[in-house]
Each structure stands twice: as C-alpha cells, then as structure tokens.
Protein backbone atom coordinates (compact mmCIF):
# COMPACT_ATOMS: atom_id res chain seq x y z
CA MET A 1 161.00 46.82 35.06
CA LYS A 2 158.59 43.97 34.62
CA ALA A 3 155.38 44.52 32.73
CA SER A 4 152.36 44.96 34.95
CA LYS A 5 149.62 42.36 34.72
CA ILE A 6 146.21 43.86 34.18
CA LEU A 7 143.67 41.24 35.17
CA ILE A 8 140.05 41.40 36.28
CA SER A 9 138.68 38.24 37.91
CA SER A 10 135.20 36.88 37.29
CA THR A 11 134.32 37.73 40.90
CA ALA A 12 135.43 41.31 40.36
CA ALA A 13 133.23 41.52 37.30
CA LEU A 14 130.17 41.51 39.56
CA ALA A 15 131.23 44.89 40.86
CA ILE A 16 131.03 46.50 37.43
CA VAL A 17 128.38 44.56 35.57
CA GLY A 18 125.65 46.75 37.04
CA LEU A 19 127.19 49.75 35.33
CA ALA A 20 125.32 49.18 32.07
CA GLY A 21 123.89 52.61 32.77
CA CYS A 22 127.21 54.16 33.83
CA GLU A 23 125.73 57.51 34.72
CA ARG A 24 123.20 56.04 37.15
CA GLU A 25 124.10 56.43 40.82
CA ALA A 26 124.69 53.06 42.44
CA SER A 27 122.53 51.87 45.31
CA LEU A 28 124.51 50.75 48.38
CA LYS A 29 121.74 49.36 50.55
CA THR A 30 122.14 45.57 50.40
CA ASP A 31 125.17 43.52 51.42
CA GLN A 32 125.57 42.44 47.80
CA GLU A 33 125.62 46.05 46.59
CA LYS A 34 128.11 47.12 49.26
CA ALA A 35 130.41 44.19 48.54
CA SER A 36 130.17 44.81 44.81
CA TYR A 37 131.06 48.47 45.33
CA ALA A 38 134.04 47.50 47.51
CA VAL A 39 135.36 45.17 44.81
CA GLY A 40 134.78 47.86 42.18
CA ILE A 41 136.76 50.40 44.23
CA GLN A 42 139.67 47.96 44.48
CA ILE A 43 139.64 47.28 40.74
CA GLY A 44 139.46 50.97 39.91
CA ARG A 45 142.32 51.87 42.23
CA SER A 46 144.39 49.00 40.91
CA LEU A 47 143.91 50.08 37.30
CA LYS A 48 144.68 53.69 38.23
CA SER A 49 147.85 52.76 40.12
CA GLN A 50 149.03 50.81 37.05
CA GLY A 51 148.29 53.73 34.77
CA ALA A 52 145.83 51.69 32.71
CA ASP A 53 143.71 53.80 30.37
CA VAL A 54 140.33 52.06 30.02
CA SER A 55 137.03 52.93 28.36
CA MET A 56 134.22 52.36 30.86
CA PRO A 57 131.51 51.65 28.25
CA ALA A 58 133.74 49.08 26.52
CA LEU A 59 134.77 47.59 29.87
CA VAL A 60 131.14 47.19 30.95
CA ALA A 61 130.19 45.71 27.58
CA GLY A 62 132.91 43.09 27.91
CA LEU A 63 131.85 42.21 31.46
CA ASN A 64 128.22 41.87 30.46
CA ASP A 65 129.10 39.61 27.53
CA GLY A 66 131.41 37.51 29.68
CA ILE A 67 128.95 37.01 32.53
CA SER A 68 126.00 36.35 30.24
CA GLY A 69 127.98 33.72 28.32
CA LYS A 70 127.66 35.49 25.00
CA ASP A 71 130.26 35.14 22.27
CA GLY A 72 132.68 38.02 22.53
CA LYS A 73 132.83 40.78 19.92
CA MET A 74 136.51 39.96 19.47
CA LYS A 75 138.27 36.71 18.64
CA PRO A 76 140.45 35.10 21.35
CA GLU A 77 143.64 36.09 19.54
CA GLU A 78 142.37 39.68 19.26
CA LEU A 79 141.62 39.75 23.00
CA GLN A 80 145.15 38.54 23.75
CA GLN A 81 146.69 41.12 21.44
CA ALA A 82 144.62 43.90 23.01
CA MET A 83 145.70 42.94 26.53
CA GLN A 84 149.32 42.71 25.46
CA LYS A 85 149.10 46.15 23.88
CA MET A 86 147.68 47.63 27.08
CA GLN A 87 150.43 46.02 29.16
CA GLU A 88 153.05 47.48 26.82
CA LEU A 89 151.50 50.96 27.14
CA VAL A 90 151.33 50.68 30.93
CA MET A 91 154.95 49.56 31.10
CA LYS A 92 156.05 52.43 28.85
CA LYS A 93 154.19 54.95 30.98
CA GLN A 94 155.64 53.52 34.21
CA MET A 95 159.16 53.69 32.79
CA GLU A 96 158.65 57.31 31.76
CA VAL A 97 157.41 58.20 35.26
CA ALA A 98 160.30 56.29 36.84
CA ASP A 99 162.88 58.10 34.72
CA LYS A 100 161.32 61.48 35.48
CA ASN A 101 161.15 60.78 39.22
CA LEU A 102 164.74 59.51 39.29
CA LYS A 103 166.06 62.71 37.71
CA GLU A 104 163.95 64.98 39.91
CA GLY A 105 164.87 62.98 42.99
CA GLU A 106 168.60 63.19 42.30
CA GLU A 107 168.34 66.95 41.82
CA TRP A 108 166.37 67.35 45.06
CA LEU A 109 168.83 65.22 47.06
CA ALA A 110 171.81 67.15 45.66
CA LYS A 111 170.31 70.42 46.93
CA ASN A 112 169.24 68.94 50.25
CA LYS A 113 172.74 67.54 50.85
CA SER A 114 174.19 71.05 51.02
CA LYS A 115 171.77 72.27 53.70
CA GLU A 116 173.12 73.06 57.12
CA GLY A 117 172.82 70.15 59.55
CA VAL A 118 172.27 67.50 56.86
CA LYS A 119 174.72 64.58 56.95
CA SER A 120 175.25 61.96 54.25
CA THR A 121 176.45 58.37 54.40
CA GLU A 122 178.43 56.48 51.79
CA SER A 123 175.26 54.79 50.55
CA GLY A 124 173.58 58.13 49.82
CA LEU A 125 171.31 58.22 52.88
CA GLN A 126 170.84 61.75 54.21
CA TYR A 127 169.82 62.54 57.76
CA GLU A 128 169.43 65.44 60.14
CA VAL A 129 169.54 65.06 63.91
CA VAL A 130 166.58 66.82 65.50
CA LYS A 131 167.17 65.32 68.93
CA GLU A 132 169.89 62.93 70.06
CA GLY A 133 168.80 60.23 72.48
CA THR A 134 170.79 58.49 75.17
CA GLY A 135 169.36 54.97 74.97
CA ALA A 136 170.45 51.82 73.18
CA THR A 137 171.38 51.71 69.49
CA PRO A 138 169.52 48.95 67.61
CA LYS A 139 171.29 46.05 65.94
CA ASP A 140 170.17 43.97 62.96
CA SER A 141 168.84 41.36 65.36
CA ASP A 142 166.64 43.83 67.31
CA MET A 143 163.06 45.07 67.15
CA VAL A 144 162.24 48.77 67.37
CA LYS A 145 159.26 50.85 68.41
CA VAL A 146 159.00 54.11 66.46
CA HIS A 147 156.75 57.00 65.56
CA TYR A 148 157.19 58.29 62.03
CA THR A 149 155.69 60.39 59.27
CA GLY A 150 156.58 59.67 55.63
CA THR A 151 156.22 62.13 52.75
CA LEU A 152 157.30 62.46 49.14
CA ILE A 153 159.57 65.33 48.12
CA ASN A 154 156.49 67.27 46.97
CA GLY A 155 155.19 67.21 50.55
CA GLU A 156 152.51 64.59 49.96
CA LYS A 157 152.08 62.34 53.01
CA PHE A 158 151.86 58.62 52.26
CA ASP A 159 152.08 57.10 55.76
CA SER A 160 152.14 58.12 59.42
CA SER A 161 152.08 56.17 62.66
CA ARG A 162 151.31 59.46 64.40
CA ASP A 163 148.10 59.82 62.42
CA ARG A 164 147.11 56.31 63.51
CA GLY A 165 147.81 57.25 67.12
CA GLU A 166 149.97 54.20 67.79
CA PRO A 167 153.74 53.60 67.42
CA ALA A 168 154.88 51.01 64.90
CA GLU A 169 156.97 47.97 65.87
CA PHE A 170 159.07 45.95 63.45
CA PRO A 171 162.45 44.18 63.04
CA VAL A 172 165.39 46.40 62.14
CA LYS A 173 166.03 44.17 59.11
CA GLY A 174 162.36 44.04 58.15
CA VAL A 175 162.20 47.45 56.45
CA ILE A 176 163.68 49.19 53.43
CA PRO A 177 167.51 49.48 53.40
CA GLY A 178 167.44 53.22 54.10
CA TRP A 179 165.45 52.68 57.27
CA THR A 180 167.70 49.84 58.46
CA GLU A 181 170.80 51.97 57.96
CA ALA A 182 169.27 55.00 59.67
CA LEU A 183 168.00 53.06 62.69
CA LYS A 184 171.51 51.76 63.38
CA LEU A 185 172.76 55.34 63.57
CA MET A 186 170.18 56.31 66.20
CA LYS A 187 169.84 55.82 69.93
CA ALA A 188 166.55 55.31 71.71
CA GLY A 189 165.05 58.71 72.41
CA SER A 190 166.43 60.19 69.17
CA GLN A 191 164.48 61.99 66.48
CA TYR A 192 165.98 62.17 62.98
CA LYS A 193 164.78 63.54 59.67
CA LEU A 194 165.69 61.18 56.83
CA ALA A 195 165.98 61.67 53.09
CA ILE A 196 166.18 58.23 51.53
CA PRO A 197 167.18 57.83 47.85
CA ALA A 198 164.95 55.63 45.73
CA LYS A 199 167.65 52.94 45.49
CA LEU A 200 167.45 52.55 49.30
CA ALA A 201 163.63 52.61 49.25
CA TYR A 202 161.29 50.98 46.72
CA GLY A 203 163.25 51.72 43.55
CA PRO A 204 161.65 51.57 40.10
CA GLN A 205 158.85 49.28 41.33
CA GLY A 206 157.34 51.78 43.78
CA ARG A 207 154.30 50.71 45.73
CA PRO A 208 150.71 51.96 46.26
CA GLY A 209 150.94 55.64 47.15
CA ILE A 210 154.65 55.77 46.26
CA PRO A 211 155.48 56.36 42.58
CA PRO A 212 158.46 54.52 41.06
CA ASN A 213 161.93 55.89 41.83
CA SER A 214 160.66 58.24 44.52
CA PRO A 215 163.01 59.50 47.24
CA LEU A 216 161.26 59.22 50.61
CA LEU A 217 161.35 61.68 53.50
CA PHE A 218 160.74 60.51 57.07
CA ASP A 219 160.51 62.18 60.43
CA VAL A 220 161.45 59.29 62.75
CA GLU A 221 161.36 59.10 66.52
CA LEU A 222 163.05 55.99 67.95
CA ILE A 223 161.07 55.25 71.11
CA GLU A 224 162.43 51.88 72.19
CA VAL A 225 164.83 49.12 71.19
CA LYS A 226 163.68 45.56 71.94
CA ALA A 227 165.18 42.11 71.65
CA MET A 228 163.66 39.98 68.87
CA PRO A 229 161.11 37.52 70.31
CA ALA A 230 162.36 33.92 70.37
CA ALA A 231 160.98 31.82 67.54
CA PRO A 232 158.57 29.03 68.56
CA GLY A 233 160.58 25.95 69.44
CA ALA A 234 163.78 27.93 70.03
CA PRO A 235 165.70 27.41 73.29
CA GLY A 236 163.91 29.35 76.01
CA ALA A 237 160.82 30.06 73.91
CA GLY A 238 157.61 29.87 75.86
CA LYS A 239 159.31 29.57 79.26
CA LYS A 240 157.82 31.58 82.08
CA LYS A 241 160.06 34.05 83.80
C-alpha cells in the first residue's frame, strides 16, 4: 500500500484560519464564509478518511503563521520530518485496518457461501438469483442500465441508485471486476444479490465510504442492455437514422 499524502493547500488554509477561537461558532452568512466552510469540510473529511490524527490548536497556529508570513516555530527540516512521521502513522493504521477487514471479510464470505441459494464462481464472486430475467445478456462491449443498492457486510449503505431515484448507466467494462463478471451472468430483467470479495472490488486501497479490503454486497436489478455509443469520428457516428 502506498503512503497517503497529507497536504493542505494555501487556498484550503482560508477555511481554517478563522478558527483561532476554535470554540466559537462560525458565521455562514457571506459567500466567503460559506465557501470557506465548504473547503474546511472537505479538508476535515479528507483527513478523517486518511486516519490522520491532528491537533486543531496546533493546526490553526500553523495556518495563521503561514498566512501571516511569520517565521514558523519549526525549522524546515523539522516540518518535513513531522509530515513524514504522520504519513508513516497513517500508513500503519491503514494497513492494520486493511488486514483486519481482509480477515473478517474472508470469514464472512466463507459462511455466506454455504447458505442455500448462494452460488460461487471460480474467481470467488458469490451471487444469489432473486429473479431471473428473459432479456439479453450483456457483453464486455455493451452498456447497461441498472438499479442497485450497495452495503458493507455490517449493513452500512454506501451507495444506492434507488435512493437517488434514477437508474445508473455505465459500460460493462467500466466498473469493478466483480460487477463486470456478475453482469455477464445476468439477463435483462434479472435481480441478483452479489457478495463481491475485496480483490474483485477496491482491494487494499478502498475509497471514500469503503474501507480498505472490504467485501461489497449489492442488490442489482439489470433493467436494460444497450449497445455502446459510437465514438466521435467512428464509422456511422453522428448519422441520422
């Protein structure tokens, strides 16, 4: 796993510099205040997702000194060492979480595999047929329209087209390997429940809302299979029917 980079841009600093009195409730009346808060939220969520343990008073002190042009309280080499140390701690924490999730995921999948109605493929993908459709089966070169809900094995929902009220459309080859494999088992009109091992999902990297080495569960309804649109300039592209 690559070490995470923990960086705060000078623009982002504007979001936090007003926190000299950290306990004071921020005003969100002006455009500047709202934009500053938005940037601050993004920074905070980014640091949290990386597992960075920061001291708010020290963070604000550093931002104030940086923006005001003051000499820092630490020498450049000390700043570099401190950042490197934080990156090492973040990486260590992420690896510990990834190892824990991998073990728990493998145990969960082993139990799920033995449940009635659950089928497994050679790759480790597990699926259960809720409803079998009668339409076309997608190929690698196709687009699909689907409704889906995605959860972690603890039941936490991380994504849902149903919640957005609109089906998702994407290329069969434009998703994680577990999805691509599952789609090519389905026919339009089908509904499957999928259990996708981490190696067929986002692996040790994870992504926002999905911890590293997490198996992913999906309730997928394949609504329609479509031909991939012709690329601009390709034969037949742009011609009227």
